Amino acid sequence: MYNYKFIEVKAKTGFVGNTIAEHRELIEKAARQGYRYVGYVPTKLTGHGMIKVIDLVFEKPSKL
């Protein structure tokens, strides 16, 4: 069994398009808490299909 953690990250719009800047810090912070990064899920898109919001997904073994 695993425990899962989801962190919502919003894309920031700039002159060169959308960027998600803080993802590295969030992944490193979760790793220090014992979580392993397993992927992301887009949760909000623009009308043109660009990603606006994602959930970073983490897991760690549950203590039974």
Protein backbone atom coordinates (compact mmCIF):
# COMPACT_ATOMS: atom_id res chain seq x y z
CA MET A 1 0.00 0.00 0.00
CA TYR A 2 1.04 3.57 -0.67
CA ASN A 3 0.05 6.99 0.58
CA TYR A 4 -0.34 9.61 -2.13
CA LYS A 5 0.17 13.35 -2.02
CA PHE A 6 -0.98 15.83 -4.68
CA ILE A 7 0.41 19.35 -5.06
CA GLU A 8 -1.37 21.80 -7.36
CA VAL A 9 0.92 23.95 -9.51
CA LYS A 10 -0.33 26.83 -11.66
CA ALA A 11 1.47 27.77 -14.89
CA LYS A 12 2.72 31.31 -15.11
CA THR A 13 2.30 33.06 -18.45
CA GLY A 14 5.19 35.03 -19.88
CA PHE A 15 6.36 36.35 -23.21
CA VAL A 16 7.60 32.91 -24.32
CA GLY A 17 4.54 30.99 -23.19
CA ASN A 18 3.62 29.09 -20.05
CA THR A 19 6.30 28.07 -17.58
CA ILE A 20 6.04 26.20 -14.31
CA ALA A 21 8.97 27.44 -12.28
CA GLU A 22 8.57 26.06 -8.77
CA HIS A 23 8.20 22.36 -9.66
CA ARG A 24 11.81 21.48 -8.81
CA GLU A 25 11.61 22.94 -5.30
CA LEU A 26 8.29 21.19 -4.67
CA ILE A 27 9.67 17.83 -5.81
CA GLU A 28 12.79 18.21 -3.66
CA LYS A 29 10.72 19.24 -0.62
CA ALA A 30 8.41 16.23 -1.00
CA ALA A 31 11.47 13.95 -1.37
CA ARG A 32 12.84 15.25 1.95
CA GLN A 33 9.48 14.24 3.48
CA GLY A 34 9.93 10.69 2.17
CA TYR A 35 7.75 10.97 -0.95
CA ARG A 36 8.76 9.85 -4.43
CA TYR A 37 7.64 11.83 -7.47
CA VAL A 38 5.60 9.59 -9.79
CA GLY A 39 4.13 11.98 -12.37
CA TYR A 40 1.71 14.79 -13.04
CA VAL A 41 -1.90 15.20 -14.11
CA PRO A 42 -3.11 18.26 -16.06
CA THR A 43 -6.20 19.53 -14.24
CA LYS A 44 -7.02 22.75 -16.14
CA LEU A 45 -6.42 23.65 -19.77
CA THR A 46 -6.99 26.81 -21.81
CA GLY A 47 -9.45 26.80 -24.69
CA HIS A 48 -6.45 26.23 -26.98
CA GLY A 49 -5.24 23.17 -25.09
CA MET A 50 -2.38 24.77 -23.15
CA ILE A 51 -1.90 23.48 -19.63
CA LYS A 52 -2.87 26.01 -16.94
CA VAL A 53 -2.80 23.84 -13.78
CA ILE A 54 -1.25 20.48 -12.96
CA ASP A 55 -1.20 18.20 -9.94
CA LEU A 56 2.24 16.81 -9.10
CA VAL A 57 1.76 13.25 -7.81
CA PHE A 58 3.91 11.71 -5.06
CA GLU A 59 3.84 8.40 -3.22
CA LYS A 60 5.46 6.75 -0.24
CA PRO A 61 4.90 3.35 1.33
CA SER A 62 2.22 3.42 4.01
CA LYS A 63 3.05 2.20 7.48
CA LEU A 64 0.78 -0.72 8.30
